PDB file of N, CA and C in Angstrom:
ATOM      1  N   UNK A   1     -11.241  -2.323  15.753  1.00  0.00           N
ATOM      2  CA  UNK A   1     -10.204  -0.838  14.611  1.00  0.00           C
ATOM      3  C   UNK A   1      -9.082  -0.584  15.822  1.00  0.00           C
ATOM      4  N   UNK A   2      -8.227  -0.628  15.540  1.00  0.00           N
ATOM      5  CA  UNK A   2      -6.998  -0.094  16.646  1.00  0.00           C
ATOM      6  C   UNK A   2      -6.796   1.586  16.986  1.00  0.00           C
ATOM      7  N   UNK A   3      -6.004   1.079  17.772  1.00  0.00           N
ATOM      8  CA  UNK A   3      -6.133   3.017  18.975  1.00  0.00           C
ATOM      9  C   UNK A   3      -4.740   3.284  18.483  1.00  0.00           C
ATOM     10  N   UNK A   4      -4.369   4.341  17.721  1.00  0.00           N
ATOM     11  CA  UNK A   4      -2.939   4.488  18.136  1.00  0.00           C
ATOM     12  C   UNK A   4      -3.083   6.344  18.953  1.00  0.00           C
ATOM     13  N   UNK A   5      -1.811   6.895  20.216  1.00  0.00           N
ATOM     14  CA  UNK A   5      -0.942   7.376  21.320  1.00  0.00           C
ATOM     15  C   UNK A   5      -0.320   8.446  20.171  1.00  0.00           C
ATOM     16  N   UNK A   6      -0.736   9.833  20.017  1.00  0.00           N
ATOM     17  CA  UNK A   6      -0.614  11.322  19.864  1.00  0.00           C
ATOM     18  C   UNK A   6      -0.025  11.621  21.178  1.00  0.00           C
ATOM     19  N   UNK A   7       0.920  12.485  20.220  1.00  0.00           N
ATOM     20  CA  UNK A   7       1.302  13.921  21.349  1.00  0.00           C
ATOM     21  C   UNK A   7       1.679  14.552  20.576  1.00  0.00           C
ATOM     22  N   UNK A   8       1.064  15.909  20.549  1.00  0.00           N
ATOM     23  CA  UNK A   8       1.106  17.308  20.428  1.00  0.00           C
ATOM     24  C   UNK A   8       2.738  17.858  20.754  1.00  0.00           C
ATOM     25  N   UNK A   9       2.860  18.877  20.083  1.00  0.00           N
ATOM     26  CA  UNK A   9       4.255  18.997  20.294  1.00  0.00           C
ATOM     27  C   UNK A   9       4.075  21.110  20.380  1.00  0.00           C
ATOM     28  N   UNK A  10       2.713  21.692  20.256  1.00  0.00           N
ATOM     29  CA  UNK A  10       2.348  22.379  20.292  1.00  0.00           C
ATOM     30  C   UNK A  10       2.086  22.764  22.007  1.00  0.00           C
ATOM     31  N   UNK A  11       0.728  21.859  22.218  1.00  0.00           N
ATOM     32  CA  UNK A  11       0.181  21.951  23.744  1.00  0.00           C
ATOM     33  C   UNK A  11       0.787  21.006  24.501  1.00  0.00           C
ATOM     34  N   UNK A  12       1.508  20.370  24.190  1.00  0.00           N
ATOM     35  CA  UNK A  12       1.722  18.946  25.228  1.00  0.00           C
ATOM     36  C   UNK A  12       0.283  17.636  25.015  1.00  0.00           C
ATOM     37  N   UNK A  13      -0.253  17.906  25.058  1.00  0.00           N
ATOM     38  CA  UNK A  13      -1.620  16.140  25.677  1.00  0.00           C
ATOM     39  C   UNK A  13      -1.136  16.153  24.431  1.00  0.00           C
ATOM     40  N   UNK A  14      -2.029  14.967  25.519  1.00  0.00           N
ATOM     41  CA  UNK A  14      -1.743  13.084  24.514  1.00  0.00           C
ATOM     42  C   UNK A  14      -3.294  12.708  24.550  1.00  0.00           C
ATOM     43  N   UNK A  15      -3.488  11.763  22.781  1.00  0.00           N
ATOM     44  CA  UNK A  15      -5.021  11.260  23.091  1.00  0.00           C
ATOM     45  C   UNK A  15      -4.804  10.714  21.764  1.00  0.00           C
ATOM     46  N   UNK A  16      -5.632   9.423  21.612  1.00  0.00           N
ATOM     47  CA  UNK A  16      -5.454   8.500  21.055  1.00  0.00           C
ATOM     48  C   UNK A  16      -6.912   8.485  19.336  1.00  0.00           C
ATOM     49  N   UNK A  17      -6.727   8.054  19.021  1.00  0.00           N
ATOM     50  CA  UNK A  17      -6.881   8.405  17.422  1.00  0.00           C
ATOM     51  C   UNK A  17      -6.943   6.752  16.495  1.00  0.00           C
ATOM     52  N   UNK A  18      -9.175   6.318  16.739  1.00  0.00           N
ATOM     53  CA  UNK A  18      -9.147   4.786  16.766  1.00  0.00           C
ATOM     54  C   UNK A  18      -8.984   5.079  14.149  1.00  0.00           C
ATOM     55  N   UNK A  19      -8.290   4.693  13.888  1.00  0.00           N
ATOM     56  CA  UNK A  19      -8.821   4.789  12.849  1.00  0.00           C
ATOM     57  C   UNK A  19      -7.774   3.658  12.244  1.00  0.00           C
ATOM     58  N   UNK A  20      -8.015   2.478  10.712  1.00  0.00           N
ATOM     59  CA  UNK A  20      -7.551   1.285  10.733  1.00  0.00           C
ATOM     60  C   UNK A  20      -6.139   1.268  11.007  1.00  0.00           C
ATOM     61  N   UNK A  21      -5.840  -0.118  10.094  1.00  0.00           N
ATOM     62  CA  UNK A  21      -4.501  -0.380  10.056  1.00  0.00           C
ATOM     63  C   UNK A  21      -3.409   0.290   8.745  1.00  0.00           C
ATOM     64  N   UNK A  22      -4.438   0.354   8.257  1.00  0.00           N
ATOM     65  CA  UNK A  22      -3.967   0.728   6.653  1.00  0.00           C
ATOM     66  C   UNK A  22      -4.108   2.205   6.884  1.00  0.00           C
ATOM     67  N   UNK A  23      -3.706   2.876   8.258  1.00  0.00           N
ATOM     68  CA  UNK A  23      -3.922   4.782   7.702  1.00  0.00           C
ATOM     69  C   UNK A  23      -3.052   4.771   9.302  1.00  0.00           C
ATOM     70  N   UNK A  24      -1.909   4.018   9.577  1.00  0.00           N
ATOM     71  CA  UNK A  24      -0.998   4.039  11.312  1.00  0.00           C
ATOM     72  C   UNK A  24      -0.931   4.876  10.710  1.00  0.00           C
ATOM     73  N   UNK A  25       0.306   4.844   9.180  1.00  0.00           N
ATOM     74  CA  UNK A  25       0.688   6.345   9.529  1.00  0.00           C
ATOM     75  C   UNK A  25       0.396   8.095   8.617  1.00  0.00           C
ATOM     76  N   UNK A  26      -0.418   7.754   8.841  1.00  0.00           N
ATOM     77  CA  UNK A  26      -1.308   8.872   8.780  1.00  0.00           C
ATOM     78  C   UNK A  26      -1.448   9.759   9.707  1.00  0.00           C
ATOM     79  N   UNK A  27      -0.711  11.494   9.476  1.00  0.00           N
ATOM     80  CA  UNK A  27      -1.326  12.553  10.431  1.00  0.00           C
ATOM     81  C   UNK A  27      -2.017  13.100  11.377  1.00  0.00           C
ATOM     82  N   UNK A  28      -1.829  13.807  12.342  1.00  0.00           N
ATOM     83  CA  UNK A  28      -3.093  12.997  13.128  1.00  0.00           C
ATOM     84  C   UNK A  28      -3.100  14.703  13.248  1.00  0.00           C
ATOM     85  N   UNK A  29      -4.357  15.622  14.006  1.00  0.00           N
ATOM     86  CA  UNK A  29      -4.028  16.557  14.849  1.00  0.00           C
ATOM     87  C   UNK A  29      -4.615  15.948  16.004  1.00  0.00           C
ATOM     88  N   UNK A  30      -4.334  17.870  16.667  1.00  0.00           N
ATOM     89  CA  UNK A  30      -4.438  17.321  18.922  1.00  0.00           C
ATOM     90  C   UNK A  30      -5.834  17.671  18.393  1.00  0.00           C
ATOM     91  N   UNK A  31      -6.567  17.968  19.713  1.00  0.00           N
ATOM     92  CA  UNK A  31      -8.353  17.762  20.206  1.00  0.00           C
ATOM     93  C   UNK A  31      -8.687  19.179  20.049  1.00  0.00           C
ATOM     94  N   UNK A  32      -7.506  20.012  20.024  1.00  0.00           N
ATOM     95  CA  UNK A  32      -6.955  22.129  19.882  1.00  0.00           C
ATOM     96  C   UNK A  32      -6.857  22.304  18.714  1.00  0.00           C
ATOM     97  N   UNK A  33      -7.073  20.840  17.369  1.00  0.00           N
ATOM     98  CA  UNK A  33      -6.845  21.078  16.353  1.00  0.00           C
ATOM     99  C   UNK A  33      -5.090  21.748  16.709  1.00  0.00           C
ATOM    100  N   UNK A  34      -4.346  21.698  16.677  1.00  0.00           N
ATOM    101  CA  UNK A  34      -2.443  21.903  16.832  1.00  0.00           C
ATOM    102  C   UNK A  34      -1.912  20.430  15.172  1.00  0.00           C
ATOM    103  N   UNK A  35      -1.392  20.809  14.465  1.00  0.00           N
ATOM    104  CA  UNK A  35      -1.230  20.232  13.736  1.00  0.00           C
ATOM    105  C   UNK A  35      -0.228  19.389  13.305  1.00  0.00           C
ATOM    106  N   UNK A  36       0.904  19.508  14.583  1.00  0.00           N
ATOM    107  CA  UNK A  36       2.854  19.615  14.911  1.00  0.00           C
ATOM    108  C   UNK A  36       1.428  18.051  16.382  1.00  0.00           C
ATOM    109  N   UNK A  37       2.284  16.913  15.128  1.00  0.00           N
ATOM    110  CA  UNK A  37       1.341  15.809  16.493  1.00  0.00           C
ATOM    111  C   UNK A  37       3.096  14.561  15.944  1.00  0.00           C
ATOM    112  N   UNK A  38       3.120  13.971  17.414  1.00  0.00           N
ATOM    113  CA  UNK A  38       3.924  12.750  17.443  1.00  0.00           C
ATOM    114  C   UNK A  38       3.147  11.558  17.035  1.00  0.00           C
ATOM    115  N   UNK A  39       2.779  10.189  16.770  1.00  0.00           N
ATOM    116  CA  UNK A  39       2.987   8.904  16.718  1.00  0.00           C
ATOM    117  C   UNK A  39       3.790   8.410  17.394  1.00  0.00           C
ATOM    118  N   UNK A  40       3.372   7.794  19.020  1.00  0.00           N
ATOM    119  CA  UNK A  40       3.739   7.720  19.896  1.00  0.00           C
ATOM    120  C   UNK A  40       3.834   5.727  20.188  1.00  0.00           C
ATOM    121  N   UNK A  41       5.086   5.384  20.415  1.00  0.00           N
ATOM    122  CA  UNK A  41       5.125   4.165  20.857  1.00  0.00           C
ATOM    123  C   UNK A  41       3.854   3.185  22.016  1.00  0.00           C
ATOM    124  N   UNK A  42       3.607   2.900  21.261  1.00  0.00           N
ATOM    125  CA  UNK A  42       2.650   1.791  22.741  1.00  0.00           C
ATOM    126  C   UNK A  42       3.123  -0.128  23.000  1.00  0.00           C
ATOM    127  N   UNK A  43       2.760   0.683  24.080  1.00  0.00           N
ATOM    128  CA  UNK A  43       3.018  -1.196  24.565  1.00  0.00           C
ATOM    129  C   UNK A  43       2.042  -2.017  24.748  1.00  0.00           C
ATOM    130  N   UNK A  44       1.906  -3.176  23.688  1.00  0.00           N
ATOM    131  CA  UNK A  44       0.855  -4.259  24.270  1.00  0.00           C
ATOM    132  C   UNK A  44       1.430  -5.265  24.508  1.00  0.00           C
ATOM    133  N   UNK A  45       0.032  -6.046  25.711  1.00  0.00           N
ATOM    134  CA  UNK A  45       0.233  -6.734  26.159  1.00  0.00           C
ATOM    135  C   UNK A  45      -0.046  -7.323  26.758  1.00  0.00           C
ATOM    136  N   UNK A  46       0.418  -9.147  26.950  1.00  0.00           N
ATOM    137  CA  UNK A  46      -0.675 -10.281  25.640  1.00  0.00           C
ATOM    138  C   UNK A  46      -0.837 -11.313  27.277  1.00  0.00           C
ATOM    139  N   UNK A  47      -1.169 -11.295  26.853  1.00  0.00           N
ATOM    140  CA  UNK A  47      -2.426 -12.209  28.814  1.00  0.00           C
ATOM    141  C   UNK A  47      -2.932 -13.587  28.174  1.00  0.00           C
ATOM    142  N   UNK A  48      -2.348 -14.499  29.821  1.00  0.00           N
ATOM    143  CA  UNK A  48      -2.433 -16.193  28.957  1.00  0.00           C
ATOM    144  C   UNK A  48      -2.892 -15.868  30.505  1.00  0.00           C
ATOM    145  N   UNK A  49      -3.324 -17.980  30.681  1.00  0.00           N
ATOM    146  CA  UNK A  49      -3.265 -17.951  31.906  1.00  0.00           C
ATOM    147  C   UNK A  49      -2.424 -18.956  32.204  1.00  0.00           C
ATOM    148  N   UNK A  50      -1.166 -19.392  31.609  1.00  0.00           N
ATOM    149  CA  UNK A  50       0.032 -20.108  31.461  1.00  0.00           C
ATOM    150  C   UNK A  50       0.064 -21.316  31.518  1.00  0.00           C
ATOM    151  N   UNK A  51      -0.905 -21.837  31.451  1.00  0.00           N
ATOM    152  CA  UNK A  51      -1.883 -23.451  32.039  1.00  0.00           C
ATOM    153  C   UNK A  51      -1.595 -23.983  29.837  1.00  0.00           C
ATOM    154  N   UNK A  52      -1.042 -25.131  30.057  1.00  0.00           N
ATOM    155  CA  UNK A  52      -1.033 -26.087  28.878  1.00  0.00           C
ATOM    156  C   UNK A  52      -1.313 -27.466  29.123  1.00  0.00           C
ATOM    157  N   UNK A  53      -1.982 -28.377  28.632  1.00  0.00           N
ATOM    158  CA  UNK A  53      -1.696 -29.961  29.415  1.00  0.00           C
ATOM    159  C   UNK A  53      -1.269 -30.803  28.135  1.00  0.00           C
ATOM    160  N   UNK A  54       0.602 -29.923  27.159  1.00  0.00           N
ATOM    161  CA  UNK A  54       1.260 -30.298  26.714  1.00  0.00           C
ATOM    162  C   UNK A  54       2.446 -30.165  28.006  1.00  0.00           C
ATOM    163  N   UNK A  55       3.694 -30.718  28.124  1.00  0.00           N
ATOM    164  CA  UNK A  55       4.299 -29.821  28.629  1.00  0.00           C
ATOM    165  C   UNK A  55       5.562 -30.206  27.274  1.00  0.00           C
ATOM    166  N   UNK A  56       5.818 -28.911  27.987  1.00  0.00           N
ATOM    167  CA  UNK A  56       7.117 -27.685  27.496  1.00  0.00           C
ATOM    168  C   UNK A  56       8.060 -29.007  26.794  1.00  0.00           C
ATOM    169  N   UNK A  57       8.489 -28.891  24.977  1.00  0.00           N
ATOM    170  CA  UNK A  57       9.020 -29.345  24.472  1.00  0.00           C
ATOM    171  C   UNK A  57      11.138 -29.581  25.269  1.00  0.00           C
ATOM    172  N   UNK A  58      11.358 -31.057  24.876  1.00  0.00           N
ATOM    173  CA  UNK A  58      12.665 -31.140  25.319  1.00  0.00           C
ATOM    174  C   UNK A  58      13.386 -30.685  24.170  1.00  0.00           C
ATOM    175  N   UNK A  59      14.109 -29.308  24.887  1.00  0.00           N
ATOM    176  CA  UNK A  59      15.415 -29.182  23.419  1.00  0.00           C
ATOM    177  C   UNK A  59      16.130 -30.771  23.017  1.00  0.00           C
ATOM    178  N   UNK A  60      16.047 -30.466  21.051  1.00  0.00           N
ATOM    179  CA  UNK A  60      16.946 -32.046  20.518  1.00  0.00           C
ATOM    180  C   UNK A  60      18.382 -32.050  20.341  1.00  0.00           C
ATOM    181  N   UNK A  61      18.678 -33.349  20.937  1.00  0.00           N
ATOM    182  CA  UNK A  61      20.556 -34.394  21.142  1.00  0.00           C
ATOM    183  C   UNK A  61      20.544 -34.923  22.965  1.00  0.00           C
ATOM    184  N   UNK A  62      19.431 -34.406  23.255  1.00  0.00           N
ATOM    185  CA  UNK A  62      19.387 -35.257  24.163  1.00  0.00           C
ATOM    186  C   UNK A  62      20.039 -34.327  25.745  1.00  0.00           C
ATOM    187  N   UNK A  63      20.959 -33.277  25.695  1.00  0.00           N
ATOM    188  CA  UNK A  63      21.775 -32.071  26.633  1.00  0.00           C
ATOM    189  C   UNK A  63      21.009 -31.068  27.124  1.00  0.00           C
ATOM    190  N   UNK A  64      21.252 -31.761  28.147  1.00  0.00           N
ATOM    191  CA  UNK A  64      20.430 -30.243  29.348  1.00  0.00           C
ATOM    192  C   UNK A  64      20.634 -29.362  28.585  1.00  0.00           C
ATOM    193  N   UNK A  65      21.303 -28.348  27.802  1.00  0.00           N
ATOM    194  CA  UNK A  65      20.961 -27.401  26.512  1.00  0.00           C
ATOM    195  C   UNK A  65      22.359 -26.536  27.730  1.00  0.00           C
ATOM    196  N   UNK A  66      22.956 -25.486  27.032  1.00  0.00           N
ATOM    197  CA  UNK A  66      23.254 -24.096  27.342  1.00  0.00           C
ATOM    198  C   UNK A  66      25.278 -25.254  27.200  1.00  0.00           C
ATOM    199  N   UNK A  67      25.531 -24.405  27.240  1.00  0.00           N
ATOM    200  CA  UNK A  67      27.081 -24.482  26.811  1.00  0.00           C
ATOM    201  C   UNK A  67      27.963 -26.170  27.422  1.00  0.00           C
ATOM    202  N   UNK A  68      27.510 -25.496  28.850  1.00  0.00           N
ATOM    203  CA  UNK A  68      27.732 -27.316  30.047  1.00  0.00           C
ATOM    204  C   UNK A  68      27.238 -28.338  28.853  1.00  0.00           C
ATOM    205  N   UNK A  69      25.783 -28.250  29.711  1.00  0.00           N
ATOM    206  CA  UNK A  69      25.008 -29.546  29.389  1.00  0.00           C
ATOM    207  C   UNK A  69      25.230 -29.714  27.231  1.00  0.00           C
ATOM    208  N   UNK A  70      25.502 -28.729  26.899  1.00  0.00           N
ATOM    209  CA  UNK A  70      26.252 -28.590  24.817  1.00  0.00           C
ATOM    210  C   UNK A  70      27.628 -29.936  24.866  1.00  0.00           C
ATOM    211  N   UNK A  71      28.607 -29.590  26.525  1.00  0.00           N
ATOM    212  CA  UNK A  71      29.189 -30.596  25.757  1.00  0.00           C
ATOM    213  C   UNK A  71      31.064 -29.681  25.925  1.00  0.00           C
ATOM    214  N   UNK A  72      30.749 -28.272  25.485  1.00  0.00           N
ATOM    215  CA  UNK A  72      31.597 -28.063  24.966  1.00  0.00           C
ATOM    216  C   UNK A  72      32.505 -26.917  26.580  1.00  0.00           C
ATOM    217  N   UNK A  73      32.349 -27.199  27.340  1.00  0.00           N
ATOM    218  CA  UNK A  73      32.769 -26.760  29.220  1.00  0.00           C
ATOM    219  C   UNK A  73      33.263 -28.122  29.189  1.00  0.00           C
ATOM    220  N   UNK A  74      35.030 -27.614  29.698  1.00  0.00           N
ATOM    221  CA  UNK A  74      36.377 -28.619  29.723  1.00  0.00           C
ATOM    222  C   UNK A  74      36.257 -29.192  31.782  1.00  0.00           C
TER     223      UNK A  74
END
């Protein structure tokens, strides 16, 4: 279940609420009981090994890419 971060405008505390995505826009009450809260934007870290058995695909057209690789420079 996703967790959403909120900040209380009344007391300044930051807290998390776990709820289904269907309730993501529902208001949240801070642990101290205040209703004046705002949902914070959170960042998502996507990690991986960065390893692949296949080489990266080459751009179509056989050029080196970029402006000069495409022949638009004189």
